[in-house]
Amino acid sequence: MVKAILTGWGTLRKKANILVAVDTSGSMNAKIGDLTRFQVATRAAARGFGLLNSEDKVALWSFSSETPQRPKSPYSEEVRLSPFDQKTLTKEINNLHVEGGTALYATVRAAHRHMLDHYDQSRINAVVVLTDGTNEYTKDNNLARLLKDVALDPERPIKIFCIAFDEKSDFGTLDRIAKASAGKAFDARDPARIDDAFVKLLSSF
């Protein structure tokens, strides 16, 4: 029944432009049972991609802080905004490197700006953030400014959806960021709830 509902929803809803930003900070190496946080999150993301429509456009970013692999920016574009290709997205998300701190605010701001630059009036435009932590990036730690920057523009709405998937996640802050944009935060701090969070997130578009 759930599968049938989701299949119908995917074909009837408005098509989407989605930027998915995945936290690749060092804390993602922490264990949840036999898996790391990163493995739990990325496997759930790969399953979540299956709920998307072939006519959606999706971009994939990774973020942590500046690292030897990413020396100039705390975030990087792994897949440009392009027609949904589940195989490519799954491959790229599985190849991400885990290292560094968590530049949450800088990444959310940049992702929001990127989607404004690629805004499509005929589509839902959204940013999806998967993170296990809090902002650890001293170069950008002004939450009030971030909330102002991502506040919903009725003329060009970019909604931000956040999934918090570890008990150390700052769910309260993620909720404030999401609500500023008229989006929503989903509490998956219990790893068993992460798949359910993806279903709820994608069906809220």
N, C-alpha and C. Protein backbone atom coordinates (compact mmCIF):
# COMPACT_ATOMS: atom_id res chain seq x y z
N MET A 1 0.83 -1.20 0.00
CA MET A 1 0.00 0.00 0.00
C MET A 1 0.87 1.26 0.00
N VAL A 2 1.88 1.30 0.90
CA VAL A 2 2.76 2.47 0.97
C VAL A 2 3.48 2.67 -0.35
N LYS A 3 3.98 1.56 -0.92
CA LYS A 3 4.69 1.65 -2.20
C LYS A 3 3.78 2.22 -3.29
N ALA A 4 2.54 1.77 -3.31
CA ALA A 4 1.59 2.26 -4.32
C ALA A 4 1.31 3.74 -4.14
N ILE A 5 1.16 4.16 -2.89
CA ILE A 5 0.92 5.58 -2.61
C ILE A 5 2.08 6.43 -3.09
N LEU A 6 3.31 5.97 -2.76
CA LEU A 6 4.50 6.73 -3.15
C LEU A 6 4.67 6.77 -4.66
N THR A 7 4.32 5.66 -5.33
CA THR A 7 4.42 5.64 -6.79
C THR A 7 3.46 6.65 -7.40
N GLY A 8 2.24 6.69 -6.90
CA GLY A 8 1.27 7.66 -7.39
C GLY A 8 1.67 9.07 -7.10
N TRP A 9 2.21 9.30 -5.88
CA TRP A 9 2.65 10.64 -5.50
C TRP A 9 3.76 11.12 -6.42
N GLY A 10 4.70 10.22 -6.75
CA GLY A 10 5.84 10.61 -7.57
C GLY A 10 5.45 11.02 -8.98
N THR A 11 4.37 10.44 -9.49
CA THR A 11 3.95 10.78 -10.85
C THR A 11 3.04 11.99 -10.89
N LEU A 12 2.35 12.29 -9.79
CA LEU A 12 1.38 13.38 -9.79
C LEU A 12 1.95 14.71 -9.30
N ARG A 13 2.95 14.68 -8.43
CA ARG A 13 3.45 15.93 -7.87
C ARG A 13 4.21 16.74 -8.93
N LYS A 14 4.38 17.99 -8.65
CA LYS A 14 5.16 18.88 -9.50
C LYS A 14 6.62 18.40 -9.54
N LYS A 15 7.26 18.50 -10.69
CA LYS A 15 8.65 18.07 -10.79
C LYS A 15 9.54 18.99 -9.96
N ALA A 16 10.73 18.50 -9.61
CA ALA A 16 11.56 19.20 -8.64
C ALA A 16 12.99 19.43 -9.12
N ASN A 17 13.57 20.51 -8.62
CA ASN A 17 15.01 20.75 -8.63
C ASN A 17 15.48 20.56 -7.19
N ILE A 18 16.36 19.61 -6.94
CA ILE A 18 16.78 19.29 -5.57
C ILE A 18 18.29 19.27 -5.48
N LEU A 19 18.83 19.99 -4.50
CA LEU A 19 20.25 19.88 -4.18
C LEU A 19 20.37 19.12 -2.87
N VAL A 20 21.05 17.99 -2.91
CA VAL A 20 21.26 17.16 -1.73
C VAL A 20 22.68 17.40 -1.21
N ALA A 21 22.79 17.89 0.02
CA ALA A 21 24.10 18.17 0.63
C ALA A 21 24.34 17.16 1.74
N VAL A 22 25.40 16.37 1.61
CA VAL A 22 25.70 15.28 2.54
C VAL A 22 26.90 15.64 3.41
N ASP A 23 26.72 15.54 4.71
CA ASP A 23 27.78 15.80 5.69
C ASP A 23 28.85 14.72 5.58
N THR A 24 30.09 15.13 5.30
CA THR A 24 31.21 14.18 5.23
C THR A 24 32.28 14.54 6.26
N SER A 25 31.86 15.12 7.38
CA SER A 25 32.81 15.47 8.43
C SER A 25 33.34 14.21 9.12
N GLY A 26 34.45 14.36 9.82
CA GLY A 26 35.11 13.22 10.44
C GLY A 26 34.25 12.46 11.43
N SER A 27 33.30 13.15 12.06
CA SER A 27 32.43 12.48 13.03
C SER A 27 31.54 11.44 12.37
N MET A 28 31.44 11.48 11.06
CA MET A 28 30.62 10.51 10.34
C MET A 28 31.24 9.11 10.36
N ASN A 29 32.51 9.02 10.82
CA ASN A 29 33.15 7.72 10.95
C ASN A 29 32.75 6.99 12.23
N ALA A 30 32.03 7.67 13.13
CA ALA A 30 31.59 7.03 14.37
C ALA A 30 30.67 5.86 14.05
N LYS A 31 30.71 4.86 14.89
CA LYS A 31 29.97 3.62 14.63
C LYS A 31 28.53 3.69 15.12
N ILE A 32 27.65 3.12 14.31
CA ILE A 32 26.27 2.83 14.70
C ILE A 32 26.11 1.33 14.46
N GLY A 33 26.27 0.54 15.50
CA GLY A 33 26.30 -0.91 15.32
C GLY A 33 27.54 -1.31 14.55
N ASP A 34 27.35 -2.05 13.47
CA ASP A 34 28.47 -2.50 12.65
C ASP A 34 28.83 -1.52 11.55
N LEU A 35 28.04 -0.49 11.39
CA LEU A 35 28.26 0.47 10.32
C LEU A 35 28.68 1.82 10.89
N THR A 36 29.25 2.68 10.04
CA THR A 36 29.54 4.05 10.45
C THR A 36 28.30 4.90 10.21
N ARG A 37 28.27 6.08 10.84
CA ARG A 37 27.17 7.01 10.59
C ARG A 37 27.07 7.29 9.09
N PHE A 38 28.22 7.46 8.47
CA PHE A 38 28.25 7.78 7.04
C PHE A 38 27.61 6.67 6.22
N GLN A 39 27.93 5.42 6.54
CA GLN A 39 27.34 4.30 5.80
C GLN A 39 25.84 4.22 6.00
N VAL A 40 25.38 4.44 7.23
CA VAL A 40 23.94 4.42 7.51
C VAL A 40 23.25 5.52 6.71
N ALA A 41 23.84 6.73 6.73
CA ALA A 41 23.22 7.87 6.06
C ALA A 41 23.21 7.70 4.54
N THR A 42 24.33 7.29 3.98
CA THR A 42 24.41 7.21 2.52
C THR A 42 23.59 6.05 1.97
N ARG A 43 23.50 4.96 2.72
CA ARG A 43 22.64 3.87 2.27
C ARG A 43 21.18 4.29 2.28
N ALA A 44 20.80 5.04 3.31
CA ALA A 44 19.42 5.54 3.36
C ALA A 44 19.17 6.53 2.22
N ALA A 45 20.18 7.38 1.94
CA ALA A 45 20.04 8.34 0.85
C ALA A 45 19.87 7.63 -0.48
N ALA A 46 20.67 6.58 -0.69
CA ALA A 46 20.57 5.83 -1.94
C ALA A 46 19.18 5.23 -2.09
N ARG A 47 18.62 4.70 -0.99
CA ARG A 47 17.25 4.17 -1.05
C ARG A 47 16.25 5.30 -1.27
N GLY A 48 16.51 6.45 -0.65
CA GLY A 48 15.62 7.59 -0.82
C GLY A 48 15.58 8.09 -2.24
N PHE A 49 16.70 8.00 -2.95
CA PHE A 49 16.73 8.43 -4.35
C PHE A 49 15.70 7.65 -5.17
N GLY A 50 15.40 6.43 -4.75
CA GLY A 50 14.44 5.62 -5.48
C GLY A 50 13.04 6.19 -5.46
N LEU A 51 12.78 7.15 -4.57
CA LEU A 51 11.47 7.78 -4.49
C LEU A 51 11.33 8.97 -5.44
N LEU A 52 12.43 9.34 -6.08
CA LEU A 52 12.39 10.49 -6.97
C LEU A 52 11.83 10.10 -8.33
N ASN A 53 11.44 11.12 -9.08
CA ASN A 53 10.85 10.94 -10.39
C ASN A 53 11.93 11.10 -11.46
N SER A 54 11.82 10.38 -12.54
CA SER A 54 12.82 10.45 -13.60
C SER A 54 12.92 11.84 -14.22
N GLU A 55 11.88 12.66 -14.03
CA GLU A 55 11.90 14.01 -14.59
C GLU A 55 12.42 15.05 -13.60
N ASP A 56 12.74 14.63 -12.37
CA ASP A 56 13.35 15.55 -11.41
C ASP A 56 14.79 15.86 -11.84
N LYS A 57 15.31 16.99 -11.36
CA LYS A 57 16.72 17.32 -11.52
C LYS A 57 17.35 17.33 -10.13
N VAL A 58 18.53 16.73 -10.01
CA VAL A 58 19.16 16.56 -8.71
C VAL A 58 20.64 16.92 -8.78
N ALA A 59 21.11 17.63 -7.76
CA ALA A 59 22.54 17.91 -7.60
C ALA A 59 22.98 17.26 -6.29
N LEU A 60 24.25 16.85 -6.24
CA LEU A 60 24.81 16.27 -5.02
C LEU A 60 26.03 17.07 -4.61
N TRP A 61 26.02 17.56 -3.37
CA TRP A 61 27.18 18.21 -2.77
C TRP A 61 27.63 17.41 -1.56
N SER A 62 28.92 17.51 -1.25
CA SER A 62 29.43 17.02 0.02
C SER A 62 29.98 18.21 0.79
N PHE A 63 29.98 18.11 2.13
CA PHE A 63 30.52 19.22 2.91
C PHE A 63 31.11 18.73 4.22
N SER A 64 32.14 19.43 4.65
CA SER A 64 32.74 19.23 5.98
C SER A 64 33.41 20.55 6.35
N SER A 65 34.71 20.64 6.08
CA SER A 65 35.47 21.88 6.19
C SER A 65 36.57 21.77 5.15
N GLU A 66 37.46 22.76 5.07
CA GLU A 66 38.58 22.61 4.15
C GLU A 66 39.43 21.41 4.58
N THR A 67 39.79 20.57 3.63
CA THR A 67 40.61 19.39 3.87
C THR A 67 41.67 19.30 2.78
N PRO A 68 42.67 18.43 2.93
CA PRO A 68 43.65 18.27 1.85
C PRO A 68 43.00 17.93 0.51
N GLN A 69 41.91 17.20 0.54
CA GLN A 69 41.21 16.87 -0.71
C GLN A 69 40.35 18.02 -1.23
N ARG A 70 39.99 18.94 -0.33
CA ARG A 70 39.13 20.07 -0.69
C ARG A 70 39.71 21.30 0.00
N PRO A 71 40.85 21.81 -0.45
CA PRO A 71 41.57 22.86 0.30
C PRO A 71 40.98 24.26 0.21
N LYS A 72 40.15 24.54 -0.79
CA LYS A 72 39.70 25.91 -1.02
C LYS A 72 38.28 26.20 -0.55
N SER A 73 37.55 25.17 -0.22
CA SER A 73 36.14 25.37 0.14
C SER A 73 35.70 24.25 1.08
N PRO A 74 34.76 24.53 1.99
CA PRO A 74 34.26 23.47 2.87
C PRO A 74 33.22 22.57 2.21
N TYR A 75 32.83 22.90 0.99
CA TYR A 75 31.84 22.10 0.28
C TYR A 75 32.25 21.94 -1.17
N SER A 76 31.74 20.92 -1.82
CA SER A 76 32.08 20.71 -3.23
C SER A 76 30.91 20.07 -3.96
N GLU A 77 30.82 20.36 -5.24
CA GLU A 77 29.77 19.80 -6.09
C GLU A 77 30.26 18.47 -6.63
N GLU A 78 29.56 17.40 -6.28
CA GLU A 78 29.92 16.06 -6.76
C GLU A 78 29.16 15.70 -8.04
N VAL A 79 27.90 16.12 -8.10
CA VAL A 79 27.07 15.93 -9.30
C VAL A 79 26.34 17.24 -9.55
N ARG A 80 26.52 17.81 -10.73
CA ARG A 80 25.85 19.08 -11.04
C ARG A 80 24.35 18.86 -11.15
N LEU A 81 23.58 19.93 -11.04
CA LEU A 81 22.14 19.85 -11.17
C LEU A 81 21.80 19.37 -12.58
N SER A 82 21.23 18.19 -12.65
CA SER A 82 21.00 17.55 -13.95
C SER A 82 19.88 16.52 -13.81
N PRO A 83 19.34 16.03 -14.94
CA PRO A 83 18.27 15.04 -14.86
C PRO A 83 18.64 13.87 -13.95
N PHE A 84 17.69 13.45 -13.15
CA PHE A 84 17.90 12.41 -12.15
C PHE A 84 18.46 11.14 -12.76
N ASP A 85 19.60 10.70 -12.21
CA ASP A 85 20.26 9.47 -12.64
C ASP A 85 20.64 8.72 -11.37
N GLN A 86 19.83 7.77 -10.98
CA GLN A 86 20.03 7.09 -9.70
C GLN A 86 21.37 6.38 -9.64
N LYS A 87 21.80 5.75 -10.72
CA LYS A 87 23.06 5.01 -10.72
C LYS A 87 24.24 5.96 -10.45
N THR A 88 24.26 7.10 -11.13
CA THR A 88 25.34 8.06 -10.94
C THR A 88 25.35 8.62 -9.52
N LEU A 89 24.19 9.00 -9.02
CA LEU A 89 24.10 9.56 -7.68
C LEU A 89 24.56 8.56 -6.63
N THR A 90 24.11 7.32 -6.76
CA THR A 90 24.49 6.29 -5.80
C THR A 90 26.00 6.03 -5.84
N LYS A 91 26.55 5.98 -7.03
CA LYS A 91 28.00 5.77 -7.17
C LYS A 91 28.78 6.90 -6.53
N GLU A 92 28.37 8.13 -6.80
CA GLU A 92 29.10 9.28 -6.27
C GLU A 92 28.97 9.38 -4.75
N ILE A 93 27.80 9.11 -4.23
CA ILE A 93 27.61 9.22 -2.78
C ILE A 93 28.41 8.15 -2.05
N ASN A 94 28.57 6.97 -2.67
CA ASN A 94 29.34 5.91 -2.05
C ASN A 94 30.85 6.16 -2.11
N ASN A 95 31.28 7.07 -2.98
CA ASN A 95 32.70 7.37 -3.13
C ASN A 95 33.15 8.59 -2.33
N LEU A 96 32.25 9.19 -1.56
CA LEU A 96 32.61 10.39 -0.81
C LEU A 96 33.63 10.08 0.29
N HIS A 97 34.51 11.04 0.53
CA HIS A 97 35.58 10.90 1.52
C HIS A 97 35.19 11.61 2.81
N VAL A 98 35.38 10.95 3.94
CA VAL A 98 34.98 11.49 5.24
C VAL A 98 36.19 12.07 5.97
N GLU A 99 36.10 13.39 6.27
CA GLU A 99 37.21 14.07 6.95
C GLU A 99 36.79 15.51 7.27
N GLY A 100 37.33 16.06 8.36
CA GLY A 100 37.15 17.48 8.64
C GLY A 100 36.05 17.78 9.64
N GLY A 101 35.76 19.08 9.81
CA GLY A 101 34.71 19.55 10.70
C GLY A 101 33.40 19.69 9.95
N THR A 102 32.47 20.45 10.53
CA THR A 102 31.14 20.57 9.93
C THR A 102 30.83 22.04 9.63
N ALA A 103 30.95 22.41 8.36
CA ALA A 103 30.64 23.78 7.94
C ALA A 103 29.17 23.86 7.53
N LEU A 104 28.31 23.72 8.52
CA LEU A 104 26.88 23.62 8.24
C LEU A 104 26.32 24.91 7.67
N TYR A 105 26.57 26.04 8.35
CA TYR A 105 25.95 27.30 7.94
C TYR A 105 26.45 27.74 6.56
N ALA A 106 27.76 27.65 6.35
CA ALA A 106 28.33 28.07 5.07
C ALA A 106 27.77 27.24 3.92
N THR A 107 27.60 25.95 4.17
CA THR A 107 27.10 25.07 3.12
C THR A 107 25.64 25.33 2.82
N VAL A 108 24.82 25.48 3.85
CA VAL A 108 23.39 25.75 3.63
C VAL A 108 23.22 27.06 2.87
N ARG A 109 23.97 28.07 3.25
CA ARG A 109 23.88 29.37 2.57
C ARG A 109 24.27 29.24 1.10
N ALA A 110 25.39 28.56 0.84
CA ALA A 110 25.86 28.42 -0.54
C ALA A 110 24.91 27.57 -1.37
N ALA A 111 24.36 26.52 -0.78
CA ALA A 111 23.43 25.65 -1.50
C ALA A 111 22.15 26.42 -1.84
N HIS A 112 21.67 27.20 -0.89
CA HIS A 112 20.48 28.02 -1.12
C HIS A 112 20.73 29.02 -2.25
N ARG A 113 21.88 29.67 -2.23
CA ARG A 113 22.23 30.63 -3.27
C ARG A 113 22.34 29.94 -4.63
N HIS A 114 22.93 28.75 -4.64
CA HIS A 114 23.09 27.99 -5.88
C HIS A 114 21.72 27.67 -6.49
N MET A 115 20.77 27.30 -5.65
CA MET A 115 19.45 26.98 -6.16
C MET A 115 18.69 28.23 -6.62
N LEU A 116 18.96 29.37 -5.99
CA LEU A 116 18.40 30.62 -6.50
C LEU A 116 18.95 30.92 -7.89
N ASP A 117 20.24 30.68 -8.08
CA ASP A 117 20.87 30.93 -9.38
C ASP A 117 20.33 29.99 -10.45
N HIS A 118 19.82 28.83 -10.04
CA HIS A 118 19.29 27.84 -10.99
C HIS A 118 17.78 27.66 -10.80
N TYR A 119 17.14 28.71 -10.36
CA TYR A 119 15.71 28.62 -10.04
C TYR A 119 14.88 28.33 -11.29
N ASP A 120 13.92 27.43 -11.14
CA ASP A 120 13.00 27.06 -12.23
C ASP A 120 11.58 27.25 -11.73
N GLN A 121 10.89 28.23 -12.27
CA GLN A 121 9.55 28.58 -11.83
C GLN A 121 8.57 27.42 -12.01
N SER A 122 8.85 26.52 -12.92
CA SER A 122 7.93 25.43 -13.21
C SER A 122 8.12 24.23 -12.28
N ARG A 123 9.09 24.33 -11.38
CA ARG A 123 9.43 23.20 -10.52
C ARG A 123 9.44 23.57 -9.04
N ILE A 124 9.35 22.56 -8.18
CA ILE A 124 9.67 22.72 -6.77
C ILE A 124 11.19 22.88 -6.69
N ASN A 125 11.67 23.84 -5.92
CA ASN A 125 13.11 24.07 -5.76
C ASN A 125 13.46 23.89 -4.30
N ALA A 126 14.39 22.99 -4.01
CA ALA A 126 14.64 22.63 -2.61
C ALA A 126 16.09 22.24 -2.37
N VAL A 127 16.50 22.40 -1.12
CA VAL A 127 17.79 21.93 -0.63
C VAL A 127 17.51 20.89 0.45
N VAL A 128 18.18 19.74 0.37
CA VAL A 128 18.06 18.69 1.37
C VAL A 128 19.43 18.51 2.03
N VAL A 129 19.46 18.65 3.36
CA VAL A 129 20.72 18.57 4.11
C VAL A 129 20.70 17.36 5.02
N LEU A 130 21.71 16.50 4.91
CA LEU A 130 21.87 15.35 5.79
C LEU A 130 23.08 15.61 6.68
N THR A 131 22.87 15.64 7.99
CA THR A 131 23.99 15.93 8.88
C THR A 131 23.85 15.21 10.21
N ASP A 132 25.00 14.93 10.83
CA ASP A 132 25.00 14.26 12.13
C ASP A 132 25.44 15.19 13.25
N GLY A 133 25.66 16.47 12.93
CA GLY A 133 26.26 17.32 13.96
C GLY A 133 25.77 18.75 14.01
N THR A 134 26.65 19.60 14.51
CA THR A 134 26.37 21.02 14.66
C THR A 134 27.39 21.81 13.86
N ASN A 135 27.16 23.09 13.68
CA ASN A 135 28.12 23.92 12.98
C ASN A 135 29.42 24.03 13.77
N GLU A 136 30.54 23.67 13.13
CA GLU A 136 31.86 23.72 13.77
C GLU A 136 32.82 24.62 13.00
N TYR A 137 32.28 25.49 12.18
CA TYR A 137 33.08 26.26 11.23
C TYR A 137 33.14 27.71 11.70
N THR A 138 34.25 28.11 12.28
CA THR A 138 34.36 29.44 12.88
C THR A 138 34.33 30.56 11.84
N LYS A 139 34.64 30.26 10.59
CA LYS A 139 34.59 31.29 9.56
C LYS A 139 33.16 31.74 9.25
N ASP A 140 32.21 30.93 9.64
CA ASP A 140 30.79 31.25 9.39
C ASP A 140 29.97 30.61 10.51
N ASN A 141 29.75 31.36 11.57
CA ASN A 141 29.00 30.82 12.71
C ASN A 141 27.86 31.74 13.16
N ASN A 142 27.38 32.58 12.22
CA ASN A 142 26.32 33.53 12.53
C ASN A 142 24.97 32.96 12.11
N LEU A 143 24.28 32.33 13.05
CA LEU A 143 23.01 31.71 12.73
C LEU A 143 21.95 32.74 12.35
N ALA A 144 21.93 33.87 13.03
CA ALA A 144 20.92 34.89 12.73
C ALA A 144 21.03 35.37 11.29
N ARG A 145 22.25 35.55 10.82
CA ARG A 145 22.45 35.98 9.43
C ARG A 145 22.01 34.89 8.46
N LEU A 146 22.31 33.63 8.80
CA LEU A 146 21.89 32.53 7.93
C LEU A 146 20.37 32.46 7.82
N LEU A 147 19.69 32.58 8.95
CA LEU A 147 18.23 32.54 8.93
C LEU A 147 17.65 33.65 8.07
N LYS A 148 18.28 34.80 8.10
CA LYS A 148 17.83 35.91 7.26
C LYS A 148 18.10 35.61 5.79
N ASP A 149 19.28 35.04 5.50
CA ASP A 149 19.66 34.77 4.12
C ASP A 149 18.77 33.72 3.45
N VAL A 150 18.28 32.76 4.24
CA VAL A 150 17.49 31.68 3.64
C VAL A 150 15.98 31.87 3.83
N ALA A 151 15.60 33.00 4.40
CA ALA A 151 14.17 33.25 4.63
C ALA A 151 13.39 33.14 3.32
N LEU A 152 12.20 32.60 3.40
CA LEU A 152 11.40 32.32 2.22
C LEU A 152 11.11 33.58 1.42
N ASP A 153 11.42 33.54 0.13
CA ASP A 153 11.06 34.58 -0.81
C ASP A 153 9.84 34.06 -1.58
N PRO A 154 8.66 34.65 -1.39
CA PRO A 154 7.46 34.14 -2.06
C PRO A 154 7.58 34.13 -3.58
N GLU A 155 8.42 35.01 -4.12
CA GLU A 155 8.58 35.07 -5.57
C GLU A 155 9.47 33.95 -6.09
N ARG A 156 10.42 33.52 -5.27
CA ARG A 156 11.33 32.44 -5.66
C ARG A 156 11.58 31.55 -4.43
N PRO A 157 10.60 30.76 -4.04
CA PRO A 157 10.76 29.95 -2.83
C PRO A 157 11.76 28.81 -3.00
N ILE A 158 12.73 28.77 -2.10
CA ILE A 158 13.67 27.66 -2.00
C ILE A 158 13.49 27.06 -0.61
N LYS A 159 12.86 25.92 -0.51
CA LYS A 159 12.64 25.31 0.79
C LYS A 159 13.83 24.44 1.18
N ILE A 160 14.18 24.49 2.46
CA ILE A 160 15.28 23.69 2.98
C ILE A 160 14.72 22.60 3.88
N PHE A 161 15.12 21.37 3.60
CA PHE A 161 14.72 20.22 4.40
C PHE A 161 15.97 19.62 5.03
N CYS A 162 15.92 19.34 6.31
CA CYS A 162 17.08 18.82 7.03
C CYS A 162 16.74 17.47 7.65
N ILE A 163 17.70 16.55 7.59
CA ILE A 163 17.58 15.28 8.31
C ILE A 163 18.72 15.20 9.32
N ALA A 164 18.37 15.11 10.58
CA ALA A 164 19.34 14.94 11.66
C ALA A 164 19.40 13.46 11.99
N PHE A 165 20.57 12.81 11.78
CA PHE A 165 20.57 11.37 11.93
C PHE A 165 21.55 10.84 12.97
N ASP A 166 21.82 11.63 13.99
CA ASP A 166 22.57 11.11 15.13
C ASP A 166 22.16 11.90 16.36
N GLU A 167 22.30 11.29 17.53
CA GLU A 167 21.86 11.93 18.76
C GLU A 167 22.61 13.23 19.05
N LYS A 168 23.80 13.41 18.44
CA LYS A 168 24.56 14.63 18.65
C LYS A 168 24.15 15.76 17.70
N SER A 169 23.26 15.47 16.78
CA SER A 169 22.79 16.50 15.86
C SER A 169 22.07 17.61 16.62
N ASP A 170 22.28 18.83 16.17
CA ASP A 170 21.60 19.99 16.76
C ASP A 170 20.25 20.14 16.08
N PHE A 171 19.30 19.31 16.48
CA PHE A 171 18.01 19.30 15.80
C PHE A 171 17.30 20.64 15.92
N GLY A 172 17.42 21.29 17.08
CA GLY A 172 16.75 22.57 17.27
C GLY A 172 17.19 23.60 16.24
N THR A 173 18.49 23.66 15.98
CA THR A 173 19.01 24.62 14.99
C THR A 173 18.59 24.22 13.58
N LEU A 174 18.67 22.93 13.27
CA LEU A 174 18.23 22.48 11.95
C LEU A 174 16.76 22.80 11.72
N ASP A 175 15.97 22.67 12.76
CA ASP A 175 14.54 22.99 12.67
C ASP A 175 14.33 24.48 12.39
N ARG A 176 15.13 25.33 13.03
CA ARG A 176 15.01 26.78 12.81
C ARG A 176 15.40 27.13 11.37
N ILE A 177 16.46 26.51 10.87
CA ILE A 177 16.90 26.77 9.49
C ILE A 177 15.81 26.36 8.50
N ALA A 178 15.28 25.16 8.70
CA ALA A 178 14.24 24.67 7.80
C ALA A 178 13.00 25.55 7.84
N LYS A 179 12.55 25.89 9.04
CA LYS A 179 11.34 26.69 9.17
C LYS A 179 11.50 28.09 8.59
N ALA A 180 12.71 28.65 8.64
CA ALA A 180 12.94 29.98 8.06
C ALA A 180 12.63 30.00 6.58
N SER A 181 12.83 28.85 5.93
CA SER A 181 12.61 28.76 4.48
C SER A 181 11.26 28.13 4.14
N ALA A 182 10.43 27.88 5.16
CA ALA A 182 9.15 27.18 5.01
C ALA A 182 9.34 25.72 4.68
N GLY A 183 10.52 25.19 5.03
CA GLY A 183 10.78 23.77 4.88
C GLY A 183 10.51 23.04 6.18
N LYS A 184 11.21 21.91 6.38
CA LYS A 184 10.96 21.11 7.56
C LYS A 184 12.20 20.31 7.93
N ALA A 185 12.40 20.09 9.22
CA ALA A 185 13.47 19.22 9.71
C ALA A 185 12.88 17.90 10.17
N PHE A 186 13.62 16.83 9.94
CA PHE A 186 13.16 15.49 10.28
C PHE A 186 14.13 14.86 11.27
N ASP A 187 13.58 14.33 12.34
CA ASP A 187 14.38 13.78 13.42
C ASP A 187 14.62 12.29 13.19
N ALA A 188 15.84 11.96 12.75
CA ALA A 188 16.24 10.56 12.58
C ALA A 188 17.43 10.27 13.49
N ARG A 189 17.43 10.91 14.67
CA ARG A 189 18.54 10.68 15.59
C ARG A 189 18.59 9.23 16.07
N ASP A 190 17.45 8.55 16.00
CA ASP A 190 17.43 7.10 16.14
C ASP A 190 17.65 6.54 14.74
N PRO A 191 18.80 5.85 14.48
CA PRO A 191 19.11 5.38 13.13
C PRO A 191 18.01 4.54 12.49
N ALA A 192 17.19 3.89 13.31
CA ALA A 192 16.12 3.06 12.76
C ALA A 192 15.06 3.90 12.06
N ARG A 193 15.07 5.22 12.28
CA ARG A 193 14.03 6.09 11.72
C ARG A 193 14.46 6.81 10.45
N ILE A 194 15.68 6.55 9.98
CA ILE A 194 16.19 7.36 8.87
C ILE A 194 15.45 7.09 7.56
N ASP A 195 15.11 5.83 7.29
CA ASP A 195 14.35 5.55 6.06
C ASP A 195 12.99 6.22 6.10
N ASP A 196 12.35 6.15 7.24
CA ASP A 196 11.04 6.79 7.41
C ASP A 196 11.15 8.29 7.21
N ALA A 197 12.27 8.87 7.70
CA ALA A 197 12.48 10.31 7.53
C ALA A 197 12.57 10.68 6.06
N PHE A 198 13.25 9.86 5.25
CA PHE A 198 13.37 10.14 3.83
C PHE A 198 12.01 10.08 3.14
N VAL A 199 11.21 9.09 3.49
CA VAL A 199 9.87 8.98 2.90
C VAL A 199 9.05 10.23 3.23
N LYS A 200 9.06 10.63 4.51
CA LYS A 200 8.30 11.81 4.91
C LYS A 200 8.83 13.06 4.23
N LEU A 201 10.14 13.17 4.12
CA LEU A 201 10.74 14.36 3.49
C LEU A 201 10.30 14.48 2.04
N LEU A 202 10.52 13.43 1.27
CA LEU A 202 10.24 13.50 -0.16
C LEU A 202 8.75 13.61 -0.46
N SER A 203 7.92 13.06 0.41
CA SER A 203 6.48 13.16 0.18
C SER A 203 5.92 14.49 0.67
N SER A 204 6.77 15.34 1.25
CA SER A 204 6.32 16.65 1.69
C SER A 204 6.58 17.74 0.65
N PHE A 205 7.19 17.38 -0.46
CA PHE A 205 7.43 18.35 -1.53
C PHE A 205 6.10 18.84 -2.10
